[in-house]
Structures are given as C-alpha cells and as structure tokens.
Amino acid sequence: MNDTRDYGAIYIGGEKNANQVMTSVEAAEYLKMHVKTVCRLAKEGKIPAKKVGSEWRFLRRVLDNWLSMELV
C-alpha cells in the first residue's frame, strides 16, 4: 500500500510546501529565528500570522512573500 499522507502538518490546496500551515516552532525553524522572537513579531503585527486559540499559525507561502518584501 502506498500511503503518501503527511501526518506532521496541515496543507491547504494542492501545493504541499507553498500552502503548509506552520506552528510557531516550525515557522521559527524555517525563518532561522528563536520561537519567542517569531511569537513577539506576530503579536506586534510585524510578521504575517493568525492566532488560533492560544497558538500562532503561519502560512509558508505568506512567509515567503513577507521575506521577499523584507529583503528588498
């Protein structure tokens, strides 16, 4: 049986990596920042994120767009 499901993350749509929903820990690893820094930036509205309950969530595609704008 070929089981290609990924149980480690939630995906929206067809593009696995671009639409990956990340936790603050995953976003911090992706951005190579400390998790507290990522959460602080999200709280201050300086990084695109959504609060789900008490946790922050980040879309990889949106983070990629944010990074490209920050580096210009």
PDB file of N, CA and C in Angstrom:
ATOM      1  N   MET A   1       0.846  -1.195   0.000  1.00  0.00           N
ATOM      2  CA  MET A   1       0.000   0.000   0.000  1.00  0.00           C
ATOM      3  C   MET A   1       0.884   1.248   0.000  1.00  0.00           C
ATOM      4  N   ASN A   2       0.616   2.176  -0.893  1.00  0.00           N
ATOM      5  CA  ASN A   2       1.346   3.432  -0.962  1.00  0.00           C
ATOM      6  C   ASN A   2       0.586   4.505  -0.208  1.00  0.00           C
ATOM      7  N   ASP A   3       0.997   4.790   0.996  1.00  0.00           N
ATOM      8  CA  ASP A   3       0.356   5.821   1.806  1.00  0.00           C
ATOM      9  C   ASP A   3       1.218   7.066   1.748  1.00  0.00           C
ATOM     10  N   THR A   4       0.751   8.094   1.039  1.00  0.00           N
ATOM     11  CA  THR A   4       1.547   9.304   0.857  1.00  0.00           C
ATOM     12  C   THR A   4       1.093  10.441   1.761  1.00  0.00           C
ATOM     13  N   ARG A   5       0.225  10.150   2.712  1.00  0.00           N
ATOM     14  CA  ARG A   5      -0.244  11.206   3.609  1.00  0.00           C
ATOM     15  C   ARG A   5       0.889  11.668   4.516  1.00  0.00           C
ATOM     16  N   ASP A   6       0.859  12.941   4.867  1.00  0.00           N
ATOM     17  CA  ASP A   6       1.839  13.519   5.781  1.00  0.00           C
ATOM     18  C   ASP A   6       1.099  13.901   7.049  1.00  0.00           C
ATOM     19  N   TYR A   7       1.411  13.246   8.140  1.00  0.00           N
ATOM     20  CA  TYR A   7       0.711  13.493   9.394  1.00  0.00           C
ATOM     21  C   TYR A   7       1.350  14.615  10.212  1.00  0.00           C
ATOM     22  N   GLY A   8       2.465  15.160   9.755  1.00  0.00           N
ATOM     23  CA  GLY A   8       3.171  16.166  10.533  1.00  0.00           C
ATOM     24  C   GLY A   8       2.707  17.589  10.316  1.00  0.00           C
ATOM     25  N   ALA A   9       1.895  17.847   9.298  1.00  0.00           N
ATOM     26  CA  ALA A   9       1.484  19.219   9.016  1.00  0.00           C
ATOM     27  C   ALA A   9       0.130  19.217   8.330  1.00  0.00           C
ATOM     28  N   ILE A  10      -0.482  20.375   8.300  1.00  0.00           N
ATOM     29  CA  ILE A  10      -1.766  20.562   7.633  1.00  0.00           C
ATOM     30  C   ILE A  10      -1.487  21.322   6.342  1.00  0.00           C
ATOM     31  N   TYR A  11      -2.132  20.933   5.254  1.00  0.00           N
ATOM     32  CA  TYR A  11      -1.932  21.590   3.973  1.00  0.00           C
ATOM     33  C   TYR A  11      -3.265  22.064   3.421  1.00  0.00           C
ATOM     34  N   ILE A  12      -3.232  23.185   2.727  1.00  0.00           N
ATOM     35  CA  ILE A  12      -4.416  23.740   2.091  1.00  0.00           C
ATOM     36  C   ILE A  12      -4.164  23.692   0.591  1.00  0.00           C
ATOM     37  N   GLY A  13      -5.068  23.113  -0.155  1.00  0.00           N
ATOM     38  CA  GLY A  13      -4.916  23.061  -1.598  1.00  0.00           C
ATOM     39  C   GLY A  13      -3.935  21.999  -2.036  1.00  0.00           C
ATOM     40  N   GLY A  14      -3.400  22.159  -3.254  1.00  0.00           N
ATOM     41  CA  GLY A  14      -2.580  21.128  -3.845  1.00  0.00           C
ATOM     42  C   GLY A  14      -1.090  21.251  -3.621  1.00  0.00           C
ATOM     43  N   GLU A  15      -0.556  22.457  -3.513  1.00  0.00           N
ATOM     44  CA  GLU A  15       0.882  22.613  -3.359  1.00  0.00           C
ATOM     45  C   GLU A  15       1.271  22.376  -1.915  1.00  0.00           C
ATOM     46  N   LYS A  16       1.925  21.261  -1.682  1.00  0.00           N
ATOM     47  CA  LYS A  16       2.249  20.839  -0.319  1.00  0.00           C
ATOM     48  C   LYS A  16       3.082  21.881   0.424  1.00  0.00           C
ATOM     49  N   ASN A  17       4.197  22.296  -0.135  1.00  0.00           N
ATOM     50  CA  ASN A  17       5.087  23.192   0.590  1.00  0.00           C
ATOM     51  C   ASN A  17       4.590  24.630   0.641  1.00  0.00           C
ATOM     52  N   ALA A  18       4.054  25.133  -0.451  1.00  0.00           N
ATOM     53  CA  ALA A  18       3.651  26.535  -0.509  1.00  0.00           C
ATOM     54  C   ALA A  18       2.502  26.846   0.437  1.00  0.00           C
ATOM     55  N   ASN A  19       1.588  25.915   0.601  1.00  0.00           N
ATOM     56  CA  ASN A  19       0.411  26.164   1.424  1.00  0.00           C
ATOM     57  C   ASN A  19       0.484  25.499   2.791  1.00  0.00           C
ATOM     58  N   GLN A  20       1.673  25.147   3.209  1.00  0.00           N
ATOM     59  CA  GLN A  20       1.846  24.498   4.502  1.00  0.00           C
ATOM     60  C   GLN A  20       1.502  25.468   5.631  1.00  0.00           C
ATOM     61  N   VAL A  21       0.677  25.003   6.557  1.00  0.00           N
ATOM     62  CA  VAL A  21       0.361  25.769   7.757  1.00  0.00           C
ATOM     63  C   VAL A  21       1.355  25.347   8.827  1.00  0.00           C
ATOM     64  N   MET A  22       2.086  26.325   9.361  1.00  0.00           N
ATOM     65  CA  MET A  22       3.141  26.027  10.324  1.00  0.00           C
ATOM     66  C   MET A  22       2.805  26.552  11.709  1.00  0.00           C
ATOM     67  N   THR A  23       3.282  25.845  12.711  1.00  0.00           N
ATOM     68  CA  THR A  23       3.209  26.317  14.088  1.00  0.00           C
ATOM     69  C   THR A  23       4.301  27.357  14.289  1.00  0.00           C
ATOM     70  N   SER A  24       4.317  27.995  15.442  1.00  0.00           N
ATOM     71  CA  SER A  24       5.368  28.972  15.727  1.00  0.00           C
ATOM     72  C   SER A  24       6.741  28.306  15.774  1.00  0.00           C
ATOM     73  N   VAL A  25       6.811  27.081  16.270  1.00  0.00           N
ATOM     74  CA  VAL A  25       8.086  26.352  16.320  1.00  0.00           C
ATOM     75  C   VAL A  25       8.575  26.062  14.899  1.00  0.00           C
ATOM     76  N   GLU A  26       7.672  25.591  14.037  1.00  0.00           N
ATOM     77  CA  GLU A  26       8.040  25.295  12.651  1.00  0.00           C
ATOM     78  C   GLU A  26       8.427  26.562  11.899  1.00  0.00           C
ATOM     79  N   ALA A  27       7.682  27.650  12.126  1.00  0.00           N
ATOM     80  CA  ALA A  27       7.993  28.922  11.468  1.00  0.00           C
ATOM     81  C   ALA A  27       9.351  29.442  11.931  1.00  0.00           C
ATOM     82  N   ALA A  28       9.633  29.305  13.216  1.00  0.00           N
ATOM     83  CA  ALA A  28      10.922  29.743  13.751  1.00  0.00           C
ATOM     84  C   ALA A  28      12.069  28.958  13.118  1.00  0.00           C
ATOM     85  N   GLU A  29      11.896  27.660  12.991  1.00  0.00           N
ATOM     86  CA  GLU A  29      12.920  26.836  12.337  1.00  0.00           C
ATOM     87  C   GLU A  29      13.088  27.257  10.882  1.00  0.00           C
ATOM     88  N   TYR A  30      11.983  27.477  10.198  1.00  0.00           N
ATOM     89  CA  TYR A  30      12.013  27.869   8.793  1.00  0.00           C
ATOM     90  C   TYR A  30      12.704  29.224   8.611  1.00  0.00           C
ATOM     91  N   LEU A  31      12.413  30.165   9.501  1.00  0.00           N
ATOM     92  CA  LEU A  31      12.973  31.512   9.408  1.00  0.00           C
ATOM     93  C   LEU A  31      14.335  31.639  10.082  1.00  0.00           C
ATOM     94  N   LYS A  32      14.759  30.573  10.754  1.00  0.00           N
ATOM     95  CA  LYS A  32      16.023  30.563  11.495  1.00  0.00           C
ATOM     96  C   LYS A  32      16.048  31.671  12.547  1.00  0.00           C
ATOM     97  N   MET A  33      14.955  31.725  13.313  1.00  0.00           N
ATOM     98  CA  MET A  33      14.793  32.674  14.415  1.00  0.00           C
ATOM     99  C   MET A  33      14.413  31.897  15.665  1.00  0.00           C
ATOM    100  N   HIS A  34      14.550  32.538  16.800  1.00  0.00           N
ATOM    101  CA  HIS A  34      14.087  31.936  18.049  1.00  0.00           C
ATOM    102  C   HIS A  34      12.561  31.991  18.065  1.00  0.00           C
ATOM    103  N   VAL A  35      11.940  30.970  18.620  1.00  0.00           N
ATOM    104  CA  VAL A  35      10.474  30.891  18.635  1.00  0.00           C
ATOM    105  C   VAL A  35       9.860  32.081  19.377  1.00  0.00           C
ATOM    106  N   LYS A  36      10.499  32.557  20.435  1.00  0.00           N
ATOM    107  CA  LYS A  36       9.971  33.720  21.163  1.00  0.00           C
ATOM    108  C   LYS A  36       9.994  34.968  20.286  1.00  0.00           C
ATOM    109  N   THR A  37      11.008  35.092  19.450  1.00  0.00           N
ATOM    110  CA  THR A  37      11.092  36.230  18.533  1.00  0.00           C
ATOM    111  C   THR A  37       9.962  36.176  17.512  1.00  0.00           C
ATOM    112  N   VAL A  38       9.710  34.995  16.958  1.00  0.00           N
ATOM    113  CA  VAL A  38       8.632  34.821  15.981  1.00  0.00           C
ATOM    114  C   VAL A  38       7.285  35.167  16.612  1.00  0.00           C
ATOM    115  N   CYS A  39       7.041  34.688  17.824  1.00  0.00           N
ATOM    116  CA  CYS A  39       5.772  34.980  18.513  1.00  0.00           C
ATOM    117  C   CYS A  39       5.639  36.466  18.819  1.00  0.00           C
ATOM    118  N   ARG A  40       6.729  37.106  19.225  1.00  0.00           N
ATOM    119  CA  ARG A  40       6.697  38.539  19.516  1.00  0.00           C
ATOM    120  C   ARG A  40       6.400  39.335  18.249  1.00  0.00           C
ATOM    121  N   LEU A  41       7.067  38.984  17.150  1.00  0.00           N
ATOM    122  CA  LEU A  41       6.822  39.672  15.880  1.00  0.00           C
ATOM    123  C   LEU A  41       5.386  39.476  15.411  1.00  0.00           C
ATOM    124  N   ALA A  42       4.839  38.282  15.613  1.00  0.00           N
ATOM    125  CA  ALA A  42       3.440  38.015  15.246  1.00  0.00           C
ATOM    126  C   ALA A  42       2.506  38.868  16.094  1.00  0.00           C
ATOM    127  N   LYS A  43       2.764  38.918  17.390  1.00  0.00           N
ATOM    128  CA  LYS A  43       1.924  39.702  18.306  1.00  0.00           C
ATOM    129  C   LYS A  43       1.961  41.186  17.950  1.00  0.00           C
ATOM    130  N   GLU A  44       3.139  41.669  17.546  1.00  0.00           N
ATOM    131  CA  GLU A  44       3.304  43.078  17.180  1.00  0.00           C
ATOM    132  C   GLU A  44       2.803  43.378  15.766  1.00  0.00           C
ATOM    133  N   GLY A  45       2.386  42.354  15.036  1.00  0.00           N
ATOM    134  CA  GLY A  45       1.901  42.546  13.674  1.00  0.00           C
ATOM    135  C   GLY A  45       3.005  42.782  12.660  1.00  0.00           C
ATOM    136  N   LYS A  46       4.233  42.434  13.016  1.00  0.00           N
ATOM    137  CA  LYS A  46       5.368  42.658  12.127  1.00  0.00           C
ATOM    138  C   LYS A  46       5.660  41.470  11.222  1.00  0.00           C
ATOM    139  N   ILE A  47       5.011  40.352  11.496  1.00  0.00           N
ATOM    140  CA  ILE A  47       5.147  39.156  10.672  1.00  0.00           C
ATOM    141  C   ILE A  47       3.736  38.610  10.448  1.00  0.00           C
ATOM    142  N   PRO A  48       3.400  38.190   9.235  1.00  0.00           N
ATOM    143  CA  PRO A  48       2.034  37.720   8.967  1.00  0.00           C
ATOM    144  C   PRO A  48       1.729  36.402   9.676  1.00  0.00           C
ATOM    145  N   ALA A  49       0.690  36.424  10.501  1.00  0.00           N
ATOM    146  CA  ALA A  49       0.296  35.235  11.267  1.00  0.00           C
ATOM    147  C   ALA A  49      -1.157  35.370  11.688  1.00  0.00           C
ATOM    148  N   LYS A  50      -1.737  34.249  12.056  1.00  0.00           N
ATOM    149  CA  LYS A  50      -3.103  34.216  12.591  1.00  0.00           C
ATOM    150  C   LYS A  50      -3.066  33.495  13.922  1.00  0.00           C
ATOM    151  N   LYS A  51      -3.823  34.004  14.870  1.00  0.00           N
ATOM    152  CA  LYS A  51      -3.925  33.357  16.173  1.00  0.00           C
ATOM    153  C   LYS A  51      -5.080  32.360  16.116  1.00  0.00           C
ATOM    154  N   VAL A  52      -4.803  31.128  16.472  1.00  0.00           N
ATOM    155  CA  VAL A  52      -5.809  30.069  16.536  1.00  0.00           C
ATOM    156  C   VAL A  52      -5.832  29.602  17.981  1.00  0.00           C
ATOM    157  N   GLY A  53      -6.856  30.034  18.708  1.00  0.00           N
ATOM    158  CA  GLY A  53      -6.877  29.768  20.145  1.00  0.00           C
ATOM    159  C   GLY A  53      -5.742  30.543  20.793  1.00  0.00           C
ATOM    160  N   SER A  54      -4.849  29.836  21.454  1.00  0.00           N
ATOM    161  CA  SER A  54      -3.704  30.491  22.086  1.00  0.00           C
ATOM    162  C   SER A  54      -2.425  30.314  21.273  1.00  0.00           C
ATOM    163  N   GLU A  55      -2.542  29.713  20.104  1.00  0.00           N
ATOM    164  CA  GLU A  55      -1.366  29.405  19.283  1.00  0.00           C
ATOM    165  C   GLU A  55      -1.336  30.250  18.011  1.00  0.00           C
ATOM    166  N   TRP A  56      -0.136  30.596  17.562  1.00  0.00           N
ATOM    167  CA  TRP A  56       0.050  31.294  16.300  1.00  0.00           C
ATOM    168  C   TRP A  56       0.199  30.285  15.178  1.00  0.00           C
ATOM    169  N   ARG A  57      -0.333  30.619  14.005  1.00  0.00           N
ATOM    170  CA  ARG A  57      -0.194  29.791  12.812  1.00  0.00           C
ATOM    171  C   ARG A  57       0.320  30.669  11.673  1.00  0.00           C
ATOM    172  N   PHE A  58       1.143  30.073  10.832  1.00  0.00           N
ATOM    173  CA  PHE A  58       1.806  30.777   9.746  1.00  0.00           C
ATOM    174  C   PHE A  58       1.665  29.975   8.465  1.00  0.00           C
ATOM    175  N   LEU A  59       1.356  30.653   7.361  1.00  0.00           N
ATOM    176  CA  LEU A  59       1.337  30.008   6.044  1.00  0.00           C
ATOM    177  C   LEU A  59       2.701  30.207   5.400  1.00  0.00           C
ATOM    178  N   ARG A  60       3.306  29.124   4.961  1.00  0.00           N
ATOM    179  CA  ARG A  60       4.643  29.218   4.367  1.00  0.00           C
ATOM    180  C   ARG A  60       4.656  30.172   3.180  1.00  0.00           C
ATOM    181  N   ARG A  61       3.648  30.095   2.325  1.00  0.00           N
ATOM    182  CA  ARG A  61       3.562  30.968   1.145  1.00  0.00           C
ATOM    183  C   ARG A  61       3.564  32.439   1.557  1.00  0.00           C
ATOM    184  N   VAL A  62       2.833  32.762   2.603  1.00  0.00           N
ATOM    185  CA  VAL A  62       2.753  34.146   3.084  1.00  0.00           C
ATOM    186  C   VAL A  62       4.085  34.570   3.701  1.00  0.00           C
ATOM    187  N   LEU A  63       4.723  33.662   4.436  1.00  0.00           N
ATOM    188  CA  LEU A  63       6.045  33.972   4.994  1.00  0.00           C
ATOM    189  C   LEU A  63       7.059  34.209   3.881  1.00  0.00           C
ATOM    190  N   ASP A  64       6.991  33.407   2.820  1.00  0.00           N
ATOM    191  CA  ASP A  64       7.897  33.596   1.685  1.00  0.00           C
ATOM    192  C   ASP A  64       7.698  34.974   1.060  1.00  0.00           C
ATOM    193  N   ASN A  65       6.439  35.390   0.879  1.00  0.00           N
ATOM    194  CA  ASN A  65       6.150  36.724   0.331  1.00  0.00           C
ATOM    195  C   ASN A  65       6.656  37.812   1.266  1.00  0.00           C
ATOM    196  N   TRP A  66       6.442  37.633   2.568  1.00  0.00           N
ATOM    197  CA  TRP A  66       6.898  38.599   3.570  1.00  0.00           C
ATOM    198  C   TRP A  66       8.419  38.724   3.528  1.00  0.00           C
ATOM    199  N   LEU A  67       9.109  37.597   3.452  1.00  0.00           N
ATOM    200  CA  LEU A  67      10.570  37.612   3.385  1.00  0.00           C
ATOM    201  C   LEU A  67      11.063  38.355   2.152  1.00  0.00           C
ATOM    202  N   SER A  68      10.437  38.111   1.016  1.00  0.00           N
ATOM    203  CA  SER A  68      10.879  38.771  -0.213  1.00  0.00           C
ATOM    204  C   SER A  68      10.680  40.282  -0.122  1.00  0.00           C
ATOM    205  N   MET A  69       9.634  40.721   0.559  1.00  0.00           N
ATOM    206  CA  MET A  69       9.402  42.161   0.741  1.00  0.00           C
ATOM    207  C   MET A  69      10.386  42.755   1.749  1.00  0.00           C
ATOM    208  N   GLU A  70      10.735  42.001   2.775  1.00  0.00           N
ATOM    209  CA  GLU A  70      11.662  42.479   3.801  1.00  0.00           C
ATOM    210  C   GLU A  70      13.085  42.599   3.258  1.00  0.00           C
ATOM    211  N   LEU A  71      13.432  41.766   2.299  1.00  0.00           N
ATOM    212  CA  LEU A  71      14.792  41.745   1.768  1.00  0.00           C
ATOM    213  C   LEU A  71      15.019  42.754   0.657  1.00  0.00           C
ATOM    214  N   VAL A  72      13.959  43.433   0.216  1.00  0.00           N
ATOM    215  CA  VAL A  72      14.080  44.412  -0.875  1.00  0.00           C
ATOM    216  C   VAL A  72      14.591  45.721  -0.345  1.00  0.00           C
TER     217      VAL A  72
END
